[in-house]
Amino acid sequence: MKILLFVSSHCPHCPRAERVVRKVAPEYYDYGLTFKKMRTKGEEGRELSSRYNIAATPSILMFGDDNNEIKRIVGVPSEENLRSEIEKVLGLRKSFWSRIFGGKHESR
């Protein structure tokens, strides 16, 4: 899984978002997570911002191994919220219903 964090120099919230991602992301590197910061004014950042329709910064995009976008977070997430979203995408956190009822429902 890959995380792209889109930031801009005039964004007052982007440094906070970057701190959260830089703190949380390394916890999942052993699961194949990679992280890259994209400045929307840079050449690559402009191209990717256009491709992924980035309308606001900070924006955190999560991509699967097939490079398709799985999740988008606009704004500054809490550390716990970001962990939760990463774990859902990686399949490390069970949904509310599967925790209650288990992974499979059997008809009897």
PDB file of N, CA and C in Angstrom:
ATOM      1  N   MET A   1       0.842  -1.174   0.000  1.00  0.00           N
ATOM      2  CA  MET A   1       0.000   0.000   0.000  1.00  0.00           C
ATOM      3  C   MET A   1       0.889   1.239   0.000  1.00  0.00           C
ATOM      4  N   LYS A   2       0.411   2.276  -0.674  1.00  0.00           N
ATOM      5  CA  LYS A   2       1.171   3.514  -0.777  1.00  0.00           C
ATOM      6  C   LYS A   2       0.304   4.672  -0.288  1.00  0.00           C
ATOM      7  N   ILE A   3       0.905   5.578   0.458  1.00  0.00           N
ATOM      8  CA  ILE A   3       0.232   6.805   0.892  1.00  0.00           C
ATOM      9  C   ILE A   3       0.913   7.984   0.215  1.00  0.00           C
ATOM     10  N   LEU A   4       0.107   8.835  -0.401  1.00  0.00           N
ATOM     11  CA  LEU A   4       0.587  10.108  -0.922  1.00  0.00           C
ATOM     12  C   LEU A   4      -0.067  11.208  -0.109  1.00  0.00           C
ATOM     13  N   LEU A   5       0.731  12.099   0.431  1.00  0.00           N
ATOM     14  CA  LEU A   5       0.238  13.252   1.176  1.00  0.00           C
ATOM     15  C   LEU A   5       0.450  14.481   0.301  1.00  0.00           C
ATOM     16  N   PHE A   6      -0.643  15.118  -0.122  1.00  0.00           N
ATOM     17  CA  PHE A   6      -0.564  16.318  -0.942  1.00  0.00           C
ATOM     18  C   PHE A   6      -0.597  17.539  -0.039  1.00  0.00           C
ATOM     19  N   VAL A   7       0.423  18.388  -0.167  1.00  0.00           N
ATOM     20  CA  VAL A   7       0.547  19.591   0.651  1.00  0.00           C
ATOM     21  C   VAL A   7       0.845  20.786  -0.253  1.00  0.00           C
ATOM     22  N   SER A   8       0.587  21.971   0.286  1.00  0.00           N
ATOM     23  CA  SER A   8       0.967  23.200  -0.421  1.00  0.00           C
ATOM     24  C   SER A   8       1.617  24.149   0.577  1.00  0.00           C
ATOM     25  N   SER A   9       2.459  25.027   0.073  1.00  0.00           N
ATOM     26  CA  SER A   9       3.233  25.896   0.948  1.00  0.00           C
ATOM     27  C   SER A   9       2.374  26.923   1.676  1.00  0.00           C
ATOM     28  N   HIS A  10       1.225  27.286   1.122  1.00  0.00           N
ATOM     29  CA  HIS A  10       0.381  28.294   1.764  1.00  0.00           C
ATOM     30  C   HIS A  10      -0.666  27.686   2.708  1.00  0.00           C
ATOM     31  N   CYS A  11      -0.622  26.379   2.898  1.00  0.00           N
ATOM     32  CA  CYS A  11      -1.613  25.674   3.718  1.00  0.00           C
ATOM     33  C   CYS A  11      -1.185  25.675   5.195  1.00  0.00           C
ATOM     34  N   PRO A  12      -1.993  26.276   6.070  1.00  0.00           N
ATOM     35  CA  PRO A  12      -1.604  26.312   7.482  1.00  0.00           C
ATOM     36  C   PRO A  12      -1.754  24.963   8.197  1.00  0.00           C
ATOM     37  N   HIS A  13      -2.531  24.031   7.625  1.00  0.00           N
ATOM     38  CA  HIS A  13      -2.782  22.744   8.281  1.00  0.00           C
ATOM     39  C   HIS A  13      -1.848  21.635   7.790  1.00  0.00           C
ATOM     40  N   CYS A  14      -1.175  21.871   6.670  1.00  0.00           N
ATOM     41  CA  CYS A  14      -0.327  20.832   6.075  1.00  0.00           C
ATOM     42  C   CYS A  14       0.812  20.362   6.983  1.00  0.00           C
ATOM     43  N   PRO A  15       1.505  21.249   7.694  1.00  0.00           N
ATOM     44  CA  PRO A  15       2.570  20.746   8.584  1.00  0.00           C
ATOM     45  C   PRO A  15       2.041  19.784   9.648  1.00  0.00           C
ATOM     46  N   ARG A  16       0.848  20.059  10.191  1.00  0.00           N
ATOM     47  CA  ARG A  16       0.262  19.141  11.191  1.00  0.00           C
ATOM     48  C   ARG A  16      -0.055  17.796  10.559  1.00  0.00           C
ATOM     49  N   ALA A  17      -0.639  17.808   9.368  1.00  0.00           N
ATOM     50  CA  ALA A  17      -0.961  16.554   8.680  1.00  0.00           C
ATOM     51  C   ALA A  17       0.310  15.758   8.398  1.00  0.00           C
ATOM     52  N   GLU A  18       1.359  16.448   7.978  1.00  0.00           N
ATOM     53  CA  GLU A  18       2.618  15.763   7.702  1.00  0.00           C
ATOM     54  C   GLU A  18       3.187  15.133   8.970  1.00  0.00           C
ATOM     55  N   ARG A  19       3.124  15.837  10.097  1.00  0.00           N
ATOM     56  CA  ARG A  19       3.609  15.265  11.362  1.00  0.00           C
ATOM     57  C   ARG A  19       2.844  13.996  11.719  1.00  0.00           C
ATOM     58  N   VAL A  20       1.513  14.010  11.539  1.00  0.00           N
ATOM     59  CA  VAL A  20       0.703  12.830  11.861  1.00  0.00           C
ATOM     60  C   VAL A  20       1.098  11.658  10.967  1.00  0.00           C
ATOM     61  N   VAL A  21       1.198  11.901   9.670  1.00  0.00           N
ATOM     62  CA  VAL A  21       1.540  10.815   8.741  1.00  0.00           C
ATOM     63  C   VAL A  21       2.953  10.303   9.006  1.00  0.00           C
ATOM     64  N   ARG A  22       3.903  11.205   9.234  1.00  0.00           N
ATOM     65  CA  ARG A  22       5.287  10.781   9.484  1.00  0.00           C
ATOM     66  C   ARG A  22       5.417   9.995  10.797  1.00  0.00           C
ATOM     67  N   LYS A  23       4.532  10.254  11.745  1.00  0.00           N
ATOM     68  CA  LYS A  23       4.567   9.507  13.004  1.00  0.00           C
ATOM     69  C   LYS A  23       3.915   8.131  12.860  1.00  0.00           C
ATOM     70  N   VAL A  24       2.787   8.069  12.147  1.00  0.00           N
ATOM     71  CA  VAL A  24       2.005   6.829  12.073  1.00  0.00           C
ATOM     72  C   VAL A  24       2.511   5.876  10.988  1.00  0.00           C
ATOM     73  N   ALA A  25       2.855   6.379   9.823  1.00  0.00           N
ATOM     74  CA  ALA A  25       3.208   5.520   8.685  1.00  0.00           C
ATOM     75  C   ALA A  25       4.313   4.505   8.982  1.00  0.00           C
ATOM     76  N   PRO A  26       5.401   4.881   9.668  1.00  0.00           N
ATOM     77  CA  PRO A  26       6.468   3.901   9.907  1.00  0.00           C
ATOM     78  C   PRO A  26       6.009   2.660  10.685  1.00  0.00           C
ATOM     79  N   GLU A  27       4.931   2.783  11.453  1.00  0.00           N
ATOM     80  CA  GLU A  27       4.418   1.637  12.204  1.00  0.00           C
ATOM     81  C   GLU A  27       3.954   0.520  11.268  1.00  0.00           C
ATOM     82  N   TYR A  28       3.715   0.844   9.982  1.00  0.00           N
ATOM     83  CA  TYR A  28       3.155  -0.119   9.036  1.00  0.00           C
ATOM     84  C   TYR A  28       4.104  -0.433   7.880  1.00  0.00           C
ATOM     85  N   TYR A  29       5.342   0.025   7.962  1.00  0.00           N
ATOM     86  CA  TYR A  29       6.303  -0.255   6.894  1.00  0.00           C
ATOM     87  C   TYR A  29       6.525  -1.759   6.738  1.00  0.00           C
ATOM     88  N   ASP A  30       6.489  -2.516   7.836  1.00  0.00           N
ATOM     89  CA  ASP A  30       6.669  -3.970   7.757  1.00  0.00           C
ATOM     90  C   ASP A  30       5.524  -4.648   7.017  1.00  0.00           C
ATOM     91  N   TYR A  31       4.406  -3.951   6.840  1.00  0.00           N
ATOM     92  CA  TYR A  31       3.258  -4.485   6.099  1.00  0.00           C
ATOM     93  C   TYR A  31       3.271  -4.026   4.643  1.00  0.00           C
ATOM     94  N   GLY A  32       4.366  -3.402   4.215  1.00  0.00           N
ATOM     95  CA  GLY A  32       4.497  -2.976   2.834  1.00  0.00           C
ATOM     96  C   GLY A  32       4.041  -1.558   2.557  1.00  0.00           C
ATOM     97  N   LEU A  33       3.736  -0.799   3.593  1.00  0.00           N
ATOM     98  CA  LEU A  33       3.303   0.583   3.409  1.00  0.00           C
ATOM     99  C   LEU A  33       4.482   1.460   3.011  1.00  0.00           C
ATOM    100  N   THR A  34       4.255   2.337   2.044  1.00  0.00           N
ATOM    101  CA  THR A  34       5.243   3.353   1.694  1.00  0.00           C
ATOM    102  C   THR A  34       4.555   4.709   1.768  1.00  0.00           C
ATOM    103  N   PHE A  35       5.340   5.753   1.968  1.00  0.00           N
ATOM    104  CA  PHE A  35       4.795   7.102   2.126  1.00  0.00           C
ATOM    105  C   PHE A  35       5.621   8.081   1.307  1.00  0.00           C
ATOM    106  N   LYS A  36       4.908   9.004   0.659  1.00  0.00           N
ATOM    107  CA  LYS A  36       5.596  10.060  -0.084  1.00  0.00           C
ATOM    108  C   LYS A  36       4.786  11.343   0.036  1.00  0.00           C
ATOM    109  N   LYS A  37       5.510  12.442   0.290  1.00  0.00           N
ATOM    110  CA  LYS A  37       4.881  13.761   0.345  1.00  0.00           C
ATOM    111  C   LYS A  37       4.958  14.383  -1.046  1.00  0.00           C
ATOM    112  N   MET A  38       3.825  14.962  -1.493  1.00  0.00           N
ATOM    113  CA  MET A  38       3.772  15.612  -2.799  1.00  0.00           C
ATOM    114  C   MET A  38       3.457  17.084  -2.605  1.00  0.00           C
ATOM    115  N   ARG A  39       4.326  17.938  -3.077  1.00  0.00           N
ATOM    116  CA  ARG A  39       4.038  19.381  -3.069  1.00  0.00           C
ATOM    117  C   ARG A  39       3.244  19.686  -4.335  1.00  0.00           C
ATOM    118  N   THR A  40       2.084  20.297  -4.173  1.00  0.00           N
ATOM    119  CA  THR A  40       1.200  20.534  -5.315  1.00  0.00           C
ATOM    120  C   THR A  40       1.791  21.498  -6.331  1.00  0.00           C
ATOM    121  N   LYS A  41       2.801  22.277  -5.946  1.00  0.00           N
ATOM    122  CA  LYS A  41       3.430  23.234  -6.868  1.00  0.00           C
ATOM    123  C   LYS A  41       4.589  22.618  -7.653  1.00  0.00           C
ATOM    124  N   GLY A  42       5.095  21.485  -7.210  1.00  0.00           N
ATOM    125  CA  GLY A  42       6.195  20.833  -7.920  1.00  0.00           C
ATOM    126  C   GLY A  42       5.691  20.193  -9.205  1.00  0.00           C
ATOM    127  N   GLU A  43       6.597  19.857 -10.097  1.00  0.00           N
ATOM    128  CA  GLU A  43       6.218  19.291 -11.390  1.00  0.00           C
ATOM    129  C   GLU A  43       5.419  17.991 -11.235  1.00  0.00           C
ATOM    130  N   GLU A  44       5.967  17.042 -10.468  1.00  0.00           N
ATOM    131  CA  GLU A  44       5.271  15.774 -10.253  1.00  0.00           C
ATOM    132  C   GLU A  44       3.982  16.000  -9.463  1.00  0.00           C
ATOM    133  N   GLY A  45       4.026  16.890  -8.473  1.00  0.00           N
ATOM    134  CA  GLY A  45       2.849  17.192  -7.663  1.00  0.00           C
ATOM    135  C   GLY A  45       1.715  17.792  -8.474  1.00  0.00           C
ATOM    136  N   ARG A  46       2.037  18.690  -9.400  1.00  0.00           N
ATOM    137  CA  ARG A  46       1.005  19.285 -10.273  1.00  0.00           C
ATOM    138  C   ARG A  46       0.334  18.212 -11.120  1.00  0.00           C
ATOM    139  N   GLU A  47       1.160  17.336 -11.685  1.00  0.00           N
ATOM    140  CA  GLU A  47       0.619  16.282 -12.555  1.00  0.00           C
ATOM    141  C   GLU A  47      -0.276  15.329 -11.760  1.00  0.00           C
ATOM    142  N   LEU A  48       0.190  14.898 -10.586  1.00  0.00           N
ATOM    143  CA  LEU A  48      -0.600  13.968  -9.771  1.00  0.00           C
ATOM    144  C   LEU A  48      -1.818  14.647  -9.160  1.00  0.00           C
ATOM    145  N   SER A  49      -1.691  15.923  -8.783  1.00  0.00           N
ATOM    146  CA  SER A  49      -2.854  16.656  -8.252  1.00  0.00           C
ATOM    147  C   SER A  49      -3.959  16.716  -9.287  1.00  0.00           C
ATOM    148  N   SER A  50      -3.578  16.930 -10.528  1.00  0.00           N
ATOM    149  CA  SER A  50      -4.552  16.968 -11.616  1.00  0.00           C
ATOM    150  C   SER A  50      -5.153  15.582 -11.847  1.00  0.00           C
ATOM    151  N   ARG A  51      -4.308  14.560 -11.887  1.00  0.00           N
ATOM    152  CA  ARG A  51      -4.777  13.193 -12.138  1.00  0.00           C
ATOM    153  C   ARG A  51      -5.773  12.730 -11.074  1.00  0.00           C
ATOM    154  N   TYR A  52      -5.501  13.077  -9.812  1.00  0.00           N
ATOM    155  CA  TYR A  52      -6.345  12.596  -8.710  1.00  0.00           C
ATOM    156  C   TYR A  52      -7.330  13.648  -8.206  1.00  0.00           C
ATOM    157  N   ASN A  53      -7.495  14.733  -8.952  1.00  0.00           N
ATOM    158  CA  ASN A  53      -8.478  15.770  -8.621  1.00  0.00           C
ATOM    159  C   ASN A  53      -8.338  16.280  -7.188  1.00  0.00           C
ATOM    160  N   ILE A  54      -7.140  16.686  -6.830  1.00  0.00           N
ATOM    161  CA  ILE A  54      -6.893  17.235  -5.498  1.00  0.00           C
ATOM    162  C   ILE A  54      -7.427  18.669  -5.481  1.00  0.00           C
ATOM    163  N   ALA A  55      -8.469  18.883  -4.691  1.00  0.00           N
ATOM    164  CA  ALA A  55      -9.106  20.203  -4.619  1.00  0.00           C
ATOM    165  C   ALA A  55      -8.710  20.964  -3.362  1.00  0.00           C
ATOM    166  N   ALA A  56      -8.202  20.261  -2.348  1.00  0.00           N
ATOM    167  CA  ALA A  56      -7.845  20.902  -1.081  1.00  0.00           C
ATOM    168  C   ALA A  56      -6.625  20.207  -0.494  1.00  0.00           C
ATOM    169  N   THR A  57      -5.865  20.981   0.265  1.00  0.00           N
ATOM    170  CA  THR A  57      -4.730  20.405   0.978  1.00  0.00           C
ATOM    171  C   THR A  57      -4.921  20.685   2.462  1.00  0.00           C
ATOM    172  N   PRO A  58      -4.465  19.790   3.305  1.00  0.00           N
ATOM    173  CA  PRO A  58      -3.811  18.535   2.992  1.00  0.00           C
ATOM    174  C   PRO A  58      -4.807  17.465   2.542  1.00  0.00           C
ATOM    175  N   SER A  59      -4.371  16.609   1.647  1.00  0.00           N
ATOM    176  CA  SER A  59      -5.144  15.445   1.214  1.00  0.00           C
ATOM    177  C   SER A  59      -4.239  14.228   1.292  1.00  0.00           C
ATOM    178  N   ILE A  60      -4.756  13.178   1.905  1.00  0.00           N
ATOM    179  CA  ILE A  60      -4.019  11.924   2.053  1.00  0.00           C
ATOM    180  C   ILE A  60      -4.729  10.890   1.191  1.00  0.00           C
ATOM    181  N   LEU A  61      -4.014  10.329   0.222  1.00  0.00           N
ATOM    182  CA  LEU A  61      -4.572   9.299  -0.637  1.00  0.00           C
ATOM    183  C   LEU A  61      -3.870   7.991  -0.358  1.00  0.00           C
ATOM    184  N   MET A  62      -4.657   6.924  -0.254  1.00  0.00           N
ATOM    185  CA  MET A  62      -4.104   5.589  -0.040  1.00  0.00           C
ATOM    186  C   MET A  62      -4.373   4.767  -1.287  1.00  0.00           C
ATOM    187  N   PHE A  63      -3.320   4.073  -1.754  1.00  0.00           N
ATOM    188  CA  PHE A  63      -3.398   3.284  -2.970  1.00  0.00           C
ATOM    189  C   PHE A  63      -3.051   1.836  -2.665  1.00  0.00           C
ATOM    190  N   GLY A  64      -3.753   0.929  -3.332  1.00  0.00           N
ATOM    191  CA  GLY A  64      -3.443  -0.485  -3.216  1.00  0.00           C
ATOM    192  C   GLY A  64      -2.250  -0.847  -4.074  1.00  0.00           C
ATOM    193  N   ASP A  65      -1.899  -2.121  -4.068  1.00  0.00           N
ATOM    194  CA  ASP A  65      -0.758  -2.591  -4.845  1.00  0.00           C
ATOM    195  C   ASP A  65      -0.989  -2.431  -6.348  1.00  0.00           C
ATOM    196  N   ASP A  66      -2.263  -2.313  -6.756  1.00  0.00           N
ATOM    197  CA  ASP A  66      -2.593  -2.127  -8.169  1.00  0.00           C
ATOM    198  C   ASP A  66      -2.604  -0.646  -8.565  1.00  0.00           C
ATOM    199  N   ASN A  67      -2.173   0.220  -7.638  1.00  0.00           N
ATOM    200  CA  ASN A  67      -2.115   1.675  -7.836  1.00  0.00           C
ATOM    201  C   ASN A  67      -3.482   2.330  -8.004  1.00  0.00           C
ATOM    202  N   ASN A  68      -4.544   1.657  -7.588  1.00  0.00           N
ATOM    203  CA  ASN A  68      -5.867   2.272  -7.573  1.00  0.00           C
ATOM    204  C   ASN A  68      -6.113   2.901  -6.213  1.00  0.00           C
ATOM    205  N   GLU A  69      -6.743   4.067  -6.231  1.00  0.00           N
ATOM    206  CA  GLU A  69      -7.042   4.764  -4.976  1.00  0.00           C
ATOM    207  C   GLU A  69      -8.060   3.963  -4.176  1.00  0.00           C
ATOM    208  N   ILE A  70      -7.747   3.771  -2.896  1.00  0.00           N
ATOM    209  CA  ILE A  70      -8.619   3.012  -1.999  1.00  0.00           C
ATOM    210  C   ILE A  70      -9.330   3.943  -1.026  1.00  0.00           C
ATOM    211  N   LYS A  71      -8.619   4.948  -0.542  1.00  0.00           N
ATOM    212  CA  LYS A  71      -9.153   5.816   0.512  1.00  0.00           C
ATOM    213  C   LYS A  71      -8.581   7.208   0.340  1.00  0.00           C
ATOM    214  N   ARG A  72      -9.404   8.212   0.695  1.00  0.00           N
ATOM    215  CA  ARG A  72      -8.980   9.615   0.634  1.00  0.00           C
ATOM    216  C   ARG A  72      -9.403  10.285   1.933  1.00  0.00           C
ATOM    217  N   ILE A  73      -8.467  10.992   2.539  1.00  0.00           N
ATOM    218  CA  ILE A  73      -8.745  11.772   3.743  1.00  0.00           C
ATOM    219  C   ILE A  73      -8.351  13.215   3.432  1.00  0.00           C
ATOM    220  N   VAL A  74      -9.303  14.124   3.529  1.00  0.00           N
ATOM    221  CA  VAL A  74      -9.021  15.542   3.308  1.00  0.00           C
ATOM    222  C   VAL A  74      -9.017  16.221   4.663  1.00  0.00           C
ATOM    223  N   GLY A  75      -7.954  16.968   4.945  1.00  0.00           N
ATOM    224  CA  GLY A  75      -7.809  17.608   6.243  1.00  0.00           C
ATOM    225  C   GLY A  75      -6.788  16.867   7.079  1.00  0.00           C
ATOM    226  N   VAL A  76      -6.741  17.229   8.356  1.00  0.00           N
ATOM    227  CA  VAL A  76      -5.762  16.643   9.275  1.00  0.00           C
ATOM    228  C   VAL A  76      -6.450  15.577  10.117  1.00  0.00           C
ATOM    229  N   PRO A  77      -6.102  14.311   9.902  1.00  0.00           N
ATOM    230  CA  PRO A  77      -6.699  13.262  10.739  1.00  0.00           C
ATOM    231  C   PRO A  77      -5.992  13.181  12.080  1.00  0.00           C
ATOM    232  N   SER A  78      -6.679  12.631  13.052  1.00  0.00           N
ATOM    233  CA  SER A  78      -5.994  12.321  14.305  1.00  0.00           C
ATOM    234  C   SER A  78      -5.104  11.102  14.049  1.00  0.00           C
ATOM    235  N   GLU A  79      -4.138  10.879  14.924  1.00  0.00           N
ATOM    236  CA  GLU A  79      -3.282   9.706  14.779  1.00  0.00           C
ATOM    237  C   GLU A  79      -4.114   8.434  14.809  1.00  0.00           C
ATOM    238  N   GLU A  80      -5.071   8.365  15.718  1.00  0.00           N
ATOM    239  CA  GLU A  80      -5.904   7.168  15.850  1.00  0.00           C
ATOM    240  C   GLU A  80      -6.762   6.949  14.607  1.00  0.00           C
ATOM    241  N   ASN A  81      -7.309   8.013  14.054  1.00  0.00           N
ATOM    242  CA  ASN A  81      -8.121   7.880  12.846  1.00  0.00           C
ATOM    243  C   ASN A  81      -7.267   7.378  11.680  1.00  0.00           C
ATOM    244  N   LEU A  82      -6.071   7.926  11.535  1.00  0.00           N
ATOM    245  CA  LEU A  82      -5.196   7.483  10.450  1.00  0.00           C
ATOM    246  C   LEU A  82      -4.804   6.024  10.647  1.00  0.00           C
ATOM    247  N   ARG A  83      -4.450   5.633  11.866  1.00  0.00           N
ATOM    248  CA  ARG A  83      -4.131   4.224  12.144  1.00  0.00           C
ATOM    249  C   ARG A  83      -5.302   3.329  11.770  1.00  0.00           C
ATOM    250  N   SER A  84      -6.501   3.727  12.178  1.00  0.00           N
ATOM    251  CA  SER A  84      -7.693   2.941  11.895  1.00  0.00           C
ATOM    252  C   SER A  84      -7.900   2.764  10.394  1.00  0.00           C
ATOM    253  N   GLU A  85      -7.763   3.842   9.637  1.00  0.00           N
ATOM    254  CA  GLU A  85      -7.960   3.763   8.183  1.00  0.00           C
ATOM    255  C   GLU A  85      -6.885   2.901   7.526  1.00  0.00           C
ATOM    256  N   ILE A  86      -5.641   3.043   7.954  1.00  0.00           N
ATOM    257  CA  ILE A  86      -4.561   2.224   7.402  1.00  0.00           C
ATOM    258  C   ILE A  86      -4.825   0.753   7.708  1.00  0.00           C
ATOM    259  N   GLU A  87      -5.203   0.460   8.941  1.00  0.00           N
ATOM    260  CA  GLU A  87      -5.442  -0.928   9.333  1.00  0.00           C
ATOM    261  C   GLU A  87      -6.619  -1.530   8.578  1.00  0.00           C
ATOM    262  N   LYS A  88      -7.648  -0.744   8.317  1.00  0.00           N
ATOM    263  CA  LYS A  88      -8.777  -1.244   7.510  1.00  0.00           C
ATOM    264  C   LYS A  88      -8.306  -1.592   6.112  1.00  0.00           C
ATOM    265  N   VAL A  89      -7.549  -0.691   5.499  1.00  0.00           N
ATOM    266  CA  VAL A  89      -7.079  -0.914   4.130  1.00  0.00           C
ATOM    267  C   VAL A  89      -6.141  -2.125   4.072  1.00  0.00           C
ATOM    268  N   LEU A  90      -5.293  -2.287   5.070  1.00  0.00           N
ATOM    269  CA  LEU A  90      -4.359  -3.410   5.095  1.00  0.00           C
ATOM    270  C   LEU A  90      -5.020  -4.712   5.549  1.00  0.00           C
ATOM    271  N   GLY A  91      -6.261  -4.627   6.011  1.00  0.00           N
ATOM    272  CA  GLY A  91      -6.959  -5.825   6.479  1.00  0.00           C
ATOM    273  C   GLY A  91      -6.540  -6.243   7.876  1.00  0.00           C
ATOM    274  N   LEU A  92      -5.995  -5.311   8.651  1.00  0.00           N
ATOM    275  CA  LEU A  92      -5.538  -5.626  10.005  1.00  0.00           C
ATOM    276  C   LEU A  92      -6.615  -5.375  11.053  1.00  0.00           C
ATOM    277  N   ARG A  93      -7.624  -4.604  10.696  1.00  0.00           N
ATOM    278  CA  ARG A  93      -8.682  -4.268  11.643  1.00  0.00           C
ATOM    279  C   ARG A  93      -9.997  -4.789  11.098  1.00  0.00           C
ATOM    280  N   LYS A  94     -10.689  -5.564  11.916  1.00  0.00           N
ATOM    281  CA  LYS A  94     -11.971  -6.105  11.502  1.00  0.00           C
ATOM    282  C   LYS A  94     -13.049  -5.034  11.603  1.00  0.00           C
ATOM    283  N   SER A  95     -14.044  -5.165  10.762  1.00  0.00           N
ATOM    284  CA  SER A  95     -15.158  -4.228  10.810  1.00  0.00           C
ATOM    285  C   SER A  95     -15.944  -4.434  12.103  1.00  0.00           C
ATOM    286  N   PHE A  96     -16.760  -3.487  12.433  1.00  0.00           N
ATOM    287  CA  PHE A  96     -17.609  -3.551  13.614  1.00  0.00           C
ATOM    288  C   PHE A  96     -18.445  -4.825  13.605  1.00  0.00           C
ATOM    289  N   TRP A  97     -19.080  -5.138  12.458  1.00  0.00           N
ATOM    290  CA  TRP A  97     -19.969  -6.298  12.376  1.00  0.00           C
ATOM    291  C   TRP A  97     -19.206  -7.604  12.458  1.00  0.00           C
ATOM    292  N   SER A  98     -18.036  -7.694  11.863  1.00  0.00           N
ATOM    293  CA  SER A  98     -17.297  -8.951  11.940  1.00  0.00           C
ATOM    294  C   SER A  98     -16.742  -9.183  13.345  1.00  0.00           C
ATOM    295  N   ARG A  99     -16.493  -8.103  14.101  1.00  0.00           N
ATOM    296  CA  ARG A  99     -16.073  -8.277  15.496  1.00  0.00           C
ATOM    297  C   ARG A  99     -17.223  -8.827  16.328  1.00  0.00           C
ATOM    298  N   ILE A 100     -18.452  -8.417  16.018  1.00  0.00           N
ATOM    299  CA  ILE A 100     -19.620  -8.873  16.783  1.00  0.00           C
ATOM    300  C   ILE A 100     -20.028 -10.288  16.377  1.00  0.00           C
ATOM    301  N   PHE A 101     -20.122 -10.502  15.063  1.00  0.00           N
ATOM    302  CA  PHE A 101     -20.677 -11.754  14.557  1.00  0.00           C
ATOM    303  C   PHE A 101     -19.637 -12.739  14.062  1.00  0.00           C
ATOM    304  N   GLY A 102     -18.383 -12.363  14.051  1.00  0.00           N
ATOM    305  CA  GLY A 102     -17.338 -13.246  13.519  1.00  0.00           C
ATOM    306  C   GLY A 102     -17.199 -13.032  12.021  1.00  0.00           C
ATOM    307  N   GLY A 103     -16.203 -13.691  11.467  1.00  0.00           N
ATOM    308  CA  GLY A 103     -15.886 -13.512  10.061  1.00  0.00           C
ATOM    309  C   GLY A 103     -16.896 -14.083   9.105  1.00  0.00           C
ATOM    310  N   LYS A 104     -17.513 -15.204   9.466  1.00  0.00           N
ATOM    311  CA  LYS A 104     -18.450 -15.874   8.546  1.00  0.00           C
ATOM    312  C   LYS A 104     -19.763 -16.125   9.272  1.00  0.00           C
ATOM    313  N   HIS A 105     -20.818 -16.035   8.505  1.00  0.00           N
ATOM    314  CA  HIS A 105     -22.133 -16.391   9.029  1.00  0.00           C
ATOM    315  C   HIS A 105     -22.509 -17.738   8.453  1.00  0.00           C
ATOM    316  N   GLU A 106     -22.891 -18.647   9.316  1.00  0.00           N
ATOM    317  CA  GLU A 106     -23.291 -19.962   8.839  1.00  0.00           C
ATOM    318  C   GLU A 106     -24.775 -20.128   9.032  1.00  0.00           C
ATOM    319  N   SER A 107     -25.437 -20.695   8.006  1.00  0.00           N
ATOM    320  CA  SER A 107     -26.861 -21.011   8.117  1.00  0.00           C
ATOM    321  C   SER A 107     -26.991 -22.350   8.792  1.00  0.00           C
ATOM    322  N   ARG A 108     -27.926 -22.434   9.700  1.00  0.00           N
ATOM    323  CA  ARG A 108     -28.132 -23.714  10.393  1.00  0.00           C
ATOM    324  C   ARG A 108     -29.560 -24.117  10.253  1.00  0.00           C
TER     325      ARG A 108
END
